Amino acid sequence: MPGTALILGPSGRFGRHAHMAFCEAGWRTRLFDRSRDTLWDAAWGADVIVNAWNPPYQHWARDLPGQTAQIIEVAKASGATVLIPANVYPYGPDAPTQLTATTPHGATNTLGRLRAEMEAAYAEAGVRTILLRAGDFIDTEPSGNWFDRIMTPKLKAGRFTYPGPTDVPHAWAYLPDVARAAVALATQRNSLPTFADIPFSGYTVTGRELRAALEKAWGGRLSLQQMSWWPLRMMAPAWPMARHLVEMSYLWRMPHGLDAAPLAAHLPDFRPTPLVDALASAIHHYIDPDQPVARGCPRRRKVQPV
């Protein structure tokens, strides 16, 4: 049954898609504006708090603990379920090929440790929480992620750039699909475990397989070029973002995919978008730059002070 969803970070990648998906499913949506809103006022009466806040990597240590504590405090008081788009960072470089809800969080690097600590805080607090854990995002418009920033800018020159070995399986997720699954899980939140860690399997493909699917979406041949990491390594001492990108580079060398069984058990009728169709959506701006991005429900503001 639809309710009210508060979207934190509504202009970010997941936040945009979560807003559209909840709205299209008939939910009332509140879009949080940090410049004007207070979390207590915005969250009161919300059934679900979508925690799509995602500060830049270099600010995680400064911002994540405080954000986590604040959301937990508000969720405890209001009774709201917190829904978090989780990632694979907490597992660390020694994780097995298939990542499950019971795979130990062994990350010792900064970003992986911070995400693991954030998730542990929700679990220990007893707040009803849904973690929907996915791999790298495929978006419907350029949003500064690996796919549109590094891998596809040279499509018109016939080149596809890949950040790692091209024969290593890597986890990907199409954002509209992740958002649809999030809404479906939010709808059955009261029947889920209090702390539900649910992997979203998405697509597990190698760089070569991704190139082959992209060629079908693009409609032509693409050469496969491997990205050089040395410029980022050179900039890392002076540029914190580069340092953190290098820190997480092991994910491109580590074969990994996410367990599909839990989501299938909870959402047996869920059907993901075929990979070629998802890629076609992600590169439509190269093919038809004048085609507007479909936004779904109109953006509207529902925050009311208590």
C-alpha atoms as a PDB file:
ATOM      1  CA  MET A   1       0.000   0.000   0.000  1.00  0.00           C
ATOM      2  CA  PRO A   2       1.523   3.381  -0.990  1.00  0.00           C
ATOM      3  CA  GLY A   3       2.527   5.766   1.758  1.00  0.00           C
ATOM      4  CA  THR A   4       4.809   8.776   2.135  1.00  0.00           C
ATOM      5  CA  ALA A   5       8.494   8.691   1.183  1.00  0.00           C
ATOM      6  CA  LEU A   6      11.017  11.338   2.174  1.00  0.00           C
ATOM      7  CA  ILE A   7      13.881  11.482  -0.326  1.00  0.00           C
ATOM      8  CA  LEU A   8      17.210  12.677   1.068  1.00  0.00           C
ATOM      9  CA  GLY A   9      19.511  13.715  -1.754  1.00  0.00           C
ATOM     10  CA  PRO A  10      16.743  13.994  -4.384  1.00  0.00           C
ATOM     11  CA  SER A  11      19.033  15.544  -7.006  1.00  0.00           C
ATOM     12  CA  GLY A  12      21.619  12.756  -6.816  1.00  0.00           C
ATOM     13  CA  ARG A  13      21.739   9.637  -8.962  1.00  0.00           C
ATOM     14  CA  PHE A  14      19.705   7.279  -6.810  1.00  0.00           C
ATOM     15  CA  GLY A  15      17.602  10.065  -5.316  1.00  0.00           C
ATOM     16  CA  ARG A  16      16.326  11.182  -8.732  1.00  0.00           C
ATOM     17  CA  HIS A  17      15.281   7.694  -9.697  1.00  0.00           C
ATOM     18  CA  ALA A  18      13.828   6.884  -6.286  1.00  0.00           C
ATOM     19  CA  HIS A  19      11.671  10.002  -6.493  1.00  0.00           C
ATOM     20  CA  MET A  20      10.342   8.990  -9.910  1.00  0.00           C
ATOM     21  CA  ALA A  21       9.749   5.371  -8.909  1.00  0.00           C
ATOM     22  CA  PHE A  22       7.928   6.174  -5.670  1.00  0.00           C
ATOM     23  CA  CYS A  23       5.861   8.856  -7.355  1.00  0.00           C
ATOM     24  CA  GLU A  24       4.895   6.602 -10.263  1.00  0.00           C
ATOM     25  CA  ALA A  25       3.889   3.866  -7.807  1.00  0.00           C
ATOM     26  CA  GLY A  26       1.394   6.244  -6.203  1.00  0.00           C
ATOM     27  CA  TRP A  27       3.410   7.261  -3.139  1.00  0.00           C
ATOM     28  CA  ARG A  28       3.432  10.803  -1.762  1.00  0.00           C
ATOM     29  CA  THR A  29       6.965  12.130  -2.046  1.00  0.00           C
ATOM     30  CA  ARG A  30       8.810  14.746  -0.018  1.00  0.00           C
ATOM     31  CA  LEU A  31      12.049  16.091  -1.480  1.00  0.00           C
ATOM     32  CA  PHE A  32      14.471  17.202   1.211  1.00  0.00           C
ATOM     33  CA  ASP A  33      16.278  20.515   0.696  1.00  0.00           C
ATOM     34  CA  ARG A  34      19.203  20.877   3.089  1.00  0.00           C
ATOM     35  CA  SER A  35      19.281  24.641   2.580  1.00  0.00           C
ATOM     36  CA  ARG A  36      15.737  25.066   3.916  1.00  0.00           C
ATOM     37  CA  ASP A  37      14.440  21.923   5.630  1.00  0.00           C
ATOM     38  CA  THR A  38      15.096  20.325   8.985  1.00  0.00           C
ATOM     39  CA  LEU A  39      15.182  16.549   9.074  1.00  0.00           C
ATOM     40  CA  TRP A  40      12.848  16.331  12.075  1.00  0.00           C
ATOM     41  CA  ASP A  41      10.122  18.365  10.359  1.00  0.00           C
ATOM     42  CA  ALA A  42      10.554  16.702   6.977  1.00  0.00           C
ATOM     43  CA  ALA A  43      10.545  13.141   8.313  1.00  0.00           C
ATOM     44  CA  TRP A  44       7.578  13.409  10.639  1.00  0.00           C
ATOM     45  CA  GLY A  45       4.727  11.376   9.178  1.00  0.00           C
ATOM     46  CA  ALA A  46       6.921   9.756   6.502  1.00  0.00           C
ATOM     47  CA  ASP A  47       6.669   5.976   6.207  1.00  0.00           C
ATOM     48  CA  VAL A  48      10.032   5.605   4.471  1.00  0.00           C
ATOM     49  CA  ILE A  49      13.186   7.726   4.560  1.00  0.00           C
ATOM     50  CA  VAL A  50      15.268   7.148   1.432  1.00  0.00           C
ATOM     51  CA  ASN A  51      18.840   7.885   2.470  1.00  0.00           C
ATOM     52  CA  ALA A  52      20.345   8.893  -0.863  1.00  0.00           C
ATOM     53  CA  TRP A  53      22.710  11.419   0.724  1.00  0.00           C
ATOM     54  CA  ASN A  54      26.128  10.782  -0.779  1.00  0.00           C
ATOM     55  CA  PRO A  55      28.842  13.344   0.037  1.00  0.00           C
ATOM     56  CA  PRO A  56      32.040  13.400  -2.049  1.00  0.00           C
ATOM     57  CA  TYR A  57      34.503  10.669  -1.130  1.00  0.00           C
ATOM     58  CA  GLN A  58      36.852  13.121   0.580  1.00  0.00           C
ATOM     59  CA  HIS A  59      34.055  14.173   2.962  1.00  0.00           C
ATOM     60  CA  TRP A  60      32.864  10.702   3.985  1.00  0.00           C
ATOM     61  CA  ALA A  61      34.928  10.595   7.184  1.00  0.00           C
ATOM     62  CA  ARG A  62      33.650  14.032   8.165  1.00  0.00           C
ATOM     63  CA  ASP A  63      29.974  13.647   7.166  1.00  0.00           C
ATOM     64  CA  LEU A  64      28.839  10.004   7.233  1.00  0.00           C
ATOM     65  CA  PRO A  65      28.900   9.369  11.016  1.00  0.00           C
ATOM     66  CA  GLY A  66      26.888  12.512  11.783  1.00  0.00           C
ATOM     67  CA  GLN A  67      24.388  11.915   8.990  1.00  0.00           C
ATOM     68  CA  THR A  68      23.922   8.326  10.116  1.00  0.00           C
ATOM     69  CA  ALA A  69      23.343   9.263  13.757  1.00  0.00           C
ATOM     70  CA  GLN A  70      20.866  11.977  12.794  1.00  0.00           C
ATOM     71  CA  ILE A  71      18.816   9.716  10.498  1.00  0.00           C
ATOM     72  CA  ILE A  72      18.771   6.908  13.078  1.00  0.00           C
ATOM     73  CA  GLU A  73      17.582   9.307  15.782  1.00  0.00           C
ATOM     74  CA  VAL A  74      14.769  10.647  13.586  1.00  0.00           C
ATOM     75  CA  ALA A  75      13.744   7.194  12.312  1.00  0.00           C
ATOM     76  CA  LYS A  76      13.565   5.846  15.866  1.00  0.00           C
ATOM     77  CA  ALA A  77      11.335   8.704  16.955  1.00  0.00           C
ATOM     78  CA  SER A  78       9.088   8.712  13.877  1.00  0.00           C
ATOM     79  CA  GLY A  79       8.894   4.969  13.260  1.00  0.00           C
ATOM     80  CA  ALA A  80       9.965   5.367   9.639  1.00  0.00           C
ATOM     81  CA  THR A  81      11.797   2.669   7.691  1.00  0.00           C
ATOM     82  CA  VAL A  82      15.173   3.759   6.319  1.00  0.00           C
ATOM     83  CA  LEU A  83      15.954   2.605   2.777  1.00  0.00           C
ATOM     84  CA  ILE A  84      19.606   2.812   1.728  1.00  0.00           C
ATOM     85  CA  PRO A  85      21.187   2.239  -1.694  1.00  0.00           C
ATOM     86  CA  ALA A  86      24.138   0.171  -0.473  1.00  0.00           C
ATOM     87  CA  ASN A  87      27.280  -0.744  -2.418  1.00  0.00           C
ATOM     88  CA  VAL A  88      29.953  -3.442  -2.451  1.00  0.00           C
ATOM     89  CA  TYR A  89      32.629  -1.394  -0.677  1.00  0.00           C
ATOM     90  CA  PRO A  90      32.310  -3.018   2.787  1.00  0.00           C
ATOM     91  CA  TYR A  91      33.400  -6.445   1.546  1.00  0.00           C
ATOM     92  CA  GLY A  92      37.010  -5.534   0.790  1.00  0.00           C
ATOM     93  CA  PRO A  93      39.435  -6.937  -1.802  1.00  0.00           C
ATOM     94  CA  ASP A  94      39.518 -10.482  -0.366  1.00  0.00           C
ATOM     95  CA  ALA A  95      35.788 -11.078  -0.813  1.00  0.00           C
ATOM     96  CA  PRO A  96      34.530 -14.167  -2.675  1.00  0.00           C
ATOM     97  CA  THR A  97      33.283 -14.012  -6.239  1.00  0.00           C
ATOM     98  CA  GLN A  98      29.606 -14.102  -5.217  1.00  0.00           C
ATOM     99  CA  LEU A  99      28.657 -11.453  -2.668  1.00  0.00           C
ATOM    100  CA  THR A 100      25.767 -12.294  -0.358  1.00  0.00           C
ATOM    101  CA  ALA A 101      24.052 -10.778   2.661  1.00  0.00           C
ATOM    102  CA  THR A 102      26.211 -12.996   4.891  1.00  0.00           C
ATOM    103  CA  THR A 103      29.558 -12.244   3.236  1.00  0.00           C
ATOM    104  CA  PRO A 104      31.805 -10.757   5.966  1.00  0.00           C
ATOM    105  CA  HIS A 105      32.536  -7.043   5.778  1.00  0.00           C
ATOM    106  CA  GLY A 106      36.295  -7.267   5.659  1.00  0.00           C
ATOM    107  CA  ALA A 107      37.229  -3.919   4.140  1.00  0.00           C
ATOM    108  CA  THR A 108      40.135  -2.147   5.822  1.00  0.00           C
ATOM    109  CA  ASN A 109      40.457   0.721   3.345  1.00  0.00           C
ATOM    110  CA  THR A 110      38.941   4.087   4.313  1.00  0.00           C
ATOM    111  CA  LEU A 111      35.808   4.112   2.160  1.00  0.00           C
ATOM    112  CA  GLY A 112      34.961   0.459   2.701  1.00  0.00           C
ATOM    113  CA  ARG A 113      35.426   0.759   6.456  1.00  0.00           C
ATOM    114  CA  LEU A 114      33.251   3.873   6.651  1.00  0.00           C
ATOM    115  CA  ARG A 115      30.405   2.225   4.738  1.00  0.00           C
ATOM    116  CA  ALA A 116      30.670  -0.916   6.875  1.00  0.00           C
ATOM    117  CA  GLU A 117      30.517   1.192  10.043  1.00  0.00           C
ATOM    118  CA  MET A 118      27.496   3.076   8.707  1.00  0.00           C
ATOM    119  CA  GLU A 119      25.603  -0.151   7.991  1.00  0.00           C
ATOM    120  CA  ALA A 120      26.562  -1.617  11.361  1.00  0.00           C
ATOM    121  CA  ALA A 121      25.169   1.465  13.103  1.00  0.00           C
ATOM    122  CA  TYR A 122      21.744   0.882  11.541  1.00  0.00           C
ATOM    123  CA  ALA A 123      21.811  -2.807  12.429  1.00  0.00           C
ATOM    124  CA  GLU A 124      22.773  -2.111  16.041  1.00  0.00           C
ATOM    125  CA  ALA A 125      20.206   0.686  16.444  1.00  0.00           C
ATOM    126  CA  GLY A 126      17.268  -1.612  15.738  1.00  0.00           C
ATOM    127  CA  VAL A 127      15.793   0.845  13.222  1.00  0.00           C
ATOM    128  CA  ARG A 128      13.777  -0.857  10.493  1.00  0.00           C
ATOM    129  CA  THR A 129      16.242  -0.695   7.610  1.00  0.00           C
ATOM    130  CA  ILE A 130      16.346  -1.926   4.013  1.00  0.00           C
ATOM    131  CA  LEU A 131      19.759  -2.096   2.357  1.00  0.00           C
ATOM    132  CA  LEU A 132      19.437  -2.617  -1.383  1.00  0.00           C
ATOM    133  CA  ARG A 133      22.999  -3.439  -2.400  1.00  0.00           C
ATOM    134  CA  ALA A 134      24.083  -2.944  -6.006  1.00  0.00           C
ATOM    135  CA  GLY A 135      27.186  -2.668  -8.136  1.00  0.00           C
ATOM    136  CA  ASP A 136      28.219   0.289 -10.315  1.00  0.00           C
ATOM    137  CA  PHE A 137      25.329   2.337 -11.645  1.00  0.00           C
ATOM    138  CA  ILE A 138      24.170   2.700 -15.224  1.00  0.00           C
ATOM    139  CA  ASP A 139      22.206   5.955 -15.364  1.00  0.00           C
ATOM    140  CA  THR A 140      19.750   7.346 -17.925  1.00  0.00           C
ATOM    141  CA  GLU A 141      21.691  10.592 -18.251  1.00  0.00           C
ATOM    142  CA  PRO A 142      25.266  11.773 -17.629  1.00  0.00           C
ATOM    143  CA  SER A 143      25.775  11.996 -13.874  1.00  0.00           C
ATOM    144  CA  GLY A 144      29.529  11.792 -13.425  1.00  0.00           C
ATOM    145  CA  ASN A 145      29.768   8.048 -12.830  1.00  0.00           C
ATOM    146  CA  TRP A 146      32.302   5.592 -14.250  1.00  0.00           C
ATOM    147  CA  PHE A 147      30.115   4.683 -17.204  1.00  0.00           C
ATOM    148  CA  ASP A 148      29.477   8.163 -18.584  1.00  0.00           C
ATOM    149  CA  ARG A 149      32.597   9.944 -17.316  1.00  0.00           C
ATOM    150  CA  ILE A 150      35.296   7.433 -18.258  1.00  0.00           C
ATOM    151  CA  MET A 151      33.920   4.625 -20.386  1.00  0.00           C
ATOM    152  CA  THR A 152      31.677   6.155 -23.042  1.00  0.00           C
ATOM    153  CA  PRO A 153      32.794   9.750 -23.864  1.00  0.00           C
ATOM    154  CA  LYS A 154      34.655   8.536 -26.976  1.00  0.00           C
ATOM    155  CA  LEU A 155      31.839   6.463 -28.464  1.00  0.00           C
ATOM    156  CA  LYS A 156      31.570   8.770 -31.487  1.00  0.00           C
ATOM    157  CA  ALA A 157      35.225   8.032 -32.204  1.00  0.00           C
ATOM    158  CA  GLY A 158      34.433   4.316 -32.008  1.00  0.00           C
ATOM    159  CA  ARG A 159      36.190   3.732 -28.675  1.00  0.00           C
ATOM    160  CA  PHE A 160      35.013   2.206 -25.408  1.00  0.00           C
ATOM    161  CA  THR A 161      37.363   2.703 -22.449  1.00  0.00           C
ATOM    162  CA  TYR A 162      37.418   0.181 -19.601  1.00  0.00           C
ATOM    163  CA  PRO A 163      39.039   0.818 -16.173  1.00  0.00           C
ATOM    164  CA  GLY A 164      40.249  -2.722 -15.477  1.00  0.00           C
ATOM    165  CA  PRO A 165      41.175  -6.096 -16.991  1.00  0.00           C
ATOM    166  CA  THR A 166      38.579  -6.833 -19.647  1.00  0.00           C
ATOM    167  CA  ASP A 167      38.079 -10.485 -18.678  1.00  0.00           C
ATOM    168  CA  VAL A 168      37.066  -9.917 -15.016  1.00  0.00           C
ATOM    169  CA  PRO A 169      33.343 -10.103 -14.110  1.00  0.00           C
ATOM    170  CA  HIS A 170      32.040  -6.866 -12.597  1.00  0.00           C
ATOM    171  CA  ALA A 171      28.661  -5.978 -11.041  1.00  0.00           C
ATOM    172  CA  TRP A 172      26.454  -3.336 -12.684  1.00  0.00           C
ATOM    173  CA  ALA A 173      22.961  -2.062 -11.944  1.00  0.00           C
ATOM    174  CA  TYR A 174      20.516  -0.012 -14.042  1.00  0.00           C
ATOM    175  CA  LEU A 175      19.259   2.785 -11.806  1.00  0.00           C
ATOM    176  CA  PRO A 176      15.573   2.710 -12.845  1.00  0.00           C
ATOM    177  CA  ASP A 177      15.527  -1.019 -12.025  1.00  0.00           C
ATOM    178  CA  VAL A 178      17.150  -0.494  -8.622  1.00  0.00           C
ATOM    179  CA  ALA A 179      14.620   2.240  -7.837  1.00  0.00           C
ATOM    180  CA  ARG A 180      11.677   0.030  -8.882  1.00  0.00           C
ATOM    181  CA  ALA A 181      12.953  -2.748  -6.653  1.00  0.00           C
ATOM    182  CA  ALA A 182      13.399  -0.280  -3.796  1.00  0.00           C
ATOM    183  CA  VAL A 183       9.764   0.798  -4.028  1.00  0.00           C
ATOM    184  CA  ALA A 184       8.547  -2.798  -4.159  1.00  0.00           C
ATOM    185  CA  LEU A 185      10.585  -3.678  -1.055  1.00  0.00           C
ATOM    186  CA  ALA A 186       9.394  -0.541   0.734  1.00  0.00           C
ATOM    187  CA  THR A 187       5.822  -1.626   0.084  1.00  0.00           C
ATOM    188  CA  GLN A 188       6.420  -4.897   1.956  1.00  0.00           C
ATOM    189  CA  ARG A 189       8.707  -3.352   4.593  1.00  0.00           C
ATOM    190  CA  ASN A 190       6.683  -4.599   7.565  1.00  0.00           C
ATOM    191  CA  SER A 191       7.100  -8.225   6.497  1.00  0.00           C
ATOM    192  CA  LEU A 192      10.870  -7.950   5.997  1.00  0.00           C
ATOM    193  CA  PRO A 193      13.465  -8.528   8.721  1.00  0.00           C
ATOM    194  CA  THR A 194      14.095  -5.438  10.853  1.00  0.00           C
ATOM    195  CA  PHE A 195      17.500  -5.139   9.180  1.00  0.00           C
ATOM    196  CA  ALA A 196      17.135  -6.431   5.606  1.00  0.00           C
ATOM    197  CA  ASP A 197      20.339  -6.645   3.558  1.00  0.00           C
ATOM    198  CA  ILE A 198      19.181  -7.505   0.045  1.00  0.00           C
ATOM    199  CA  PRO A 199      21.596  -7.772  -2.898  1.00  0.00           C
ATOM    200  CA  PHE A 200      20.505  -6.494  -6.306  1.00  0.00           C
ATOM    201  CA  SER A 201      22.237  -8.743  -8.827  1.00  0.00           C
ATOM    202  CA  GLY A 202      21.784  -6.521 -11.884  1.00  0.00           C
ATOM    203  CA  TYR A 203      24.280  -7.529 -14.557  1.00  0.00           C
ATOM    204  CA  THR A 204      27.526  -9.400 -13.912  1.00  0.00           C
ATOM    205  CA  VAL A 205      29.621  -9.014 -17.049  1.00  0.00           C
ATOM    206  CA  THR A 206      33.229  -8.698 -18.114  1.00  0.00           C
ATOM    207  CA  GLY A 207      34.547  -5.665 -19.939  1.00  0.00           C
ATOM    208  CA  ARG A 208      34.427  -7.575 -23.215  1.00  0.00           C
ATOM    209  CA  GLU A 209      30.830  -8.635 -22.606  1.00  0.00           C
ATOM    210  CA  LEU A 210      29.873  -5.085 -21.732  1.00  0.00           C
ATOM    211  CA  ARG A 211      31.513  -3.827 -24.941  1.00  0.00           C
ATOM    212  CA  ALA A 212      29.596  -6.429 -26.993  1.00  0.00           C
ATOM    213  CA  ALA A 213      26.273  -5.385 -25.471  1.00  0.00           C
ATOM    214  CA  LEU A 214      27.145  -1.723 -25.952  1.00  0.00           C
ATOM    215  CA  GLU A 215      27.903  -2.338 -29.635  1.00  0.00           C
ATOM    216  CA  LYS A 216      24.348  -3.635 -30.056  1.00  0.00           C
ATOM    217  CA  ALA A 217      22.948  -0.578 -28.296  1.00  0.00           C
ATOM    218  CA  TRP A 218      25.222   1.760 -30.275  1.00  0.00           C
ATOM    219  CA  GLY A 219      24.666   0.030 -33.592  1.00  0.00           C
ATOM    220  CA  GLY A 220      28.310  -0.213 -34.591  1.00  0.00           C
ATOM    221  CA  ARG A 221      31.719  -1.598 -33.784  1.00  0.00           C
ATOM    222  CA  LEU A 222      33.663  -0.219 -30.819  1.00  0.00           C
ATOM    223  CA  SER A 223      37.324  -0.733 -30.072  1.00  0.00           C
ATOM    224  CA  LEU A 224      38.095  -1.709 -26.481  1.00  0.00           C
ATOM    225  CA  GLN A 225      40.708   0.514 -24.838  1.00  0.00           C
ATOM    226  CA  GLN A 226      42.012  -0.023 -21.315  1.00  0.00           C
ATOM    227  CA  MET A 227      42.140   3.029 -19.069  1.00  0.00           C
ATOM    228  CA  SER A 228      45.497   4.052 -17.660  1.00  0.00           C
ATOM    229  CA  TRP A 229      45.509   4.598 -13.903  1.00  0.00           C
ATOM    230  CA  TRP A 230      48.848   6.385 -13.728  1.00  0.00           C
ATOM    231  CA  PRO A 231      47.417   9.955 -14.093  1.00  0.00           C
ATOM    232  CA  LEU A 232      45.154   9.365 -11.070  1.00  0.00           C
ATOM    233  CA  ARG A 233      48.028   7.833  -9.114  1.00  0.00           C
ATOM    234  CA  MET A 234      50.176  10.869  -9.933  1.00  0.00           C
ATOM    235  CA  MET A 235      47.438  13.268  -8.785  1.00  0.00           C
ATOM    236  CA  ALA A 236      46.505  11.283  -5.665  1.00  0.00           C
ATOM    237  CA  PRO A 237      48.905  13.025  -3.218  1.00  0.00           C
ATOM    238  CA  ALA A 238      47.412  16.440  -4.019  1.00  0.00           C
ATOM    239  CA  TRP A 239      43.841  15.574  -5.007  1.00  0.00           C
ATOM    240  CA  PRO A 240      41.806  13.658  -2.394  1.00  0.00           C
ATOM    241  CA  MET A 241      39.212  12.444  -4.918  1.00  0.00           C
ATOM    242  CA  ALA A 242      41.936  10.819  -7.022  1.00  0.00           C
ATOM    243  CA  ARG A 243      43.361   9.193  -3.906  1.00  0.00           C
ATOM    244  CA  HIS A 244      40.015   7.592  -3.092  1.00  0.00           C
ATOM    245  CA  LEU A 245      39.403   6.501  -6.687  1.00  0.00           C
ATOM    246  CA  VAL A 246      42.765   4.735  -6.635  1.00  0.00           C
ATOM    247  CA  GLU A 247      41.889   3.256  -3.232  1.00  0.00           C
ATOM    248  CA  MET A 248      38.837   1.557  -4.753  1.00  0.00           C
ATOM    249  CA  SER A 249      40.554   0.471  -7.990  1.00  0.00           C
ATOM    250  CA  TYR A 250      40.757  -3.134  -6.740  1.00  0.00           C
ATOM    251  CA  LEU A 251      37.063  -3.532  -7.594  1.00  0.00           C
ATOM    252  CA  TRP A 252      37.991  -3.540 -11.283  1.00  0.00           C
ATOM    253  CA  ARG A 253      40.500  -6.359 -10.722  1.00  0.00           C
ATOM    254  CA  MET A 254      38.345  -8.379  -8.307  1.00  0.00           C
ATOM    255  CA  PRO A 255      35.783 -10.690  -9.977  1.00  0.00           C
ATOM    256  CA  HIS A 256      32.456 -10.193  -8.246  1.00  0.00           C
ATOM    257  CA  GLY A 257      28.707 -10.418  -8.657  1.00  0.00           C
ATOM    258  CA  LEU A 258      25.733 -10.176  -6.287  1.00  0.00           C
ATOM    259  CA  ASP A 259      23.486 -13.008  -5.150  1.00  0.00           C
ATOM    260  CA  ALA A 260      20.173 -12.896  -7.040  1.00  0.00           C
ATOM    261  CA  ALA A 261      18.241 -15.307  -4.808  1.00  0.00           C
ATOM    262  CA  PRO A 262      17.060 -13.001  -1.969  1.00  0.00           C
ATOM    263  CA  LEU A 263      15.521 -10.401  -4.267  1.00  0.00           C
ATOM    264  CA  ALA A 264      13.879 -13.120  -6.347  1.00  0.00           C
ATOM    265  CA  ALA A 265      12.394 -14.593  -3.170  1.00  0.00           C
ATOM    266  CA  HIS A 266      10.968 -11.243  -2.065  1.00  0.00           C
ATOM    267  CA  LEU A 267       9.978 -10.002  -5.534  1.00  0.00           C
ATOM    268  CA  PRO A 268       9.295 -13.077  -7.688  1.00  0.00           C
ATOM    269  CA  ASP A 269       7.564 -11.016 -10.404  1.00  0.00           C
ATOM    270  CA  PHE A 270      10.338  -8.418 -10.716  1.00  0.00           C
ATOM    271  CA  ARG A 271      11.758  -8.278 -14.232  1.00  0.00           C
ATOM    272  CA  PRO A 272      14.979  -6.320 -14.849  1.00  0.00           C
ATOM    273  CA  THR A 273      15.556  -4.320 -17.995  1.00  0.00           C
ATOM    274  CA  PRO A 274      17.619  -6.247 -20.587  1.00  0.00           C
ATOM    275  CA  LEU A 275      21.234  -5.060 -20.576  1.00  0.00           C
ATOM    276  CA  VAL A 276      21.197  -3.802 -24.172  1.00  0.00           C
ATOM    277  CA  ASP A 277      18.064  -1.740 -23.497  1.00  0.00           C
ATOM    278  CA  ALA A 278      19.612  -0.286 -20.340  1.00  0.00           C
ATOM    279  CA  LEU A 279      22.762   0.667 -22.245  1.00  0.00           C
ATOM    280  CA  ALA A 280      20.717   2.229 -25.046  1.00  0.00           C
ATOM    281  CA  SER A 281      19.000   4.400 -22.456  1.00  0.00           C
ATOM    282  CA  ALA A 282      22.360   5.356 -20.948  1.00  0.00           C
ATOM    283  CA  ILE A 283      23.856   6.526 -24.260  1.00  0.00           C
ATOM    284  CA  HIS A 284      20.769   8.088 -25.845  1.00  0.00           C
ATOM    285  CA  HIS A 285      22.274  11.578 -25.473  1.00  0.00           C
ATOM    286  CA  TYR A 286      25.075  10.594 -27.883  1.00  0.00           C
ATOM    287  CA  ILE A 287      22.605   9.274 -30.451  1.00  0.00           C
ATOM    288  CA  ASP A 288      19.961  11.999 -30.111  1.00  0.00           C
ATOM    289  CA  PRO A 289      21.247  14.905 -27.986  1.00  0.00           C
ATOM    290  CA  ASP A 290      18.003  16.850 -28.465  1.00  0.00           C
ATOM    291  CA  GLN A 291      15.856  14.076 -27.017  1.00  0.00           C
ATOM    292  CA  PRO A 292      14.710  15.169 -23.539  1.00  0.00           C
ATOM    293  CA  VAL A 293      15.271  12.838 -20.614  1.00  0.00           C
ATOM    294  CA  ALA A 294      12.047  11.204 -19.438  1.00  0.00           C
ATOM    295  CA  ARG A 295      11.505  12.350 -15.859  1.00  0.00           C
ATOM    296  CA  GLY A 296       8.331  10.518 -14.895  1.00  0.00           C
ATOM    297  CA  CYS A 297       6.251  12.247 -12.237  1.00  0.00           C
ATOM    298  CA  PRO A 298       6.557  16.035 -12.030  1.00  0.00           C
ATOM    299  CA  ARG A 299       8.923  17.311  -9.377  1.00  0.00           C
ATOM    300  CA  ARG A 300       6.943  18.540  -6.430  1.00  0.00           C
ATOM    301  CA  ARG A 301       7.678  19.600  -2.907  1.00  0.00           C
ATOM    302  CA  LYS A 302       5.786  18.045   0.000  1.00  0.00           C
ATOM    303  CA  VAL A 303       7.770  19.047   3.077  1.00  0.00           C
ATOM    304  CA  GLN A 304       5.542  20.601   5.731  1.00  0.00           C
ATOM    305  CA  PRO A 305       6.726  21.661   9.185  1.00  0.00           C
ATOM    306  CA  VAL A 306       5.095  19.980  12.142  1.00  0.00           C
END
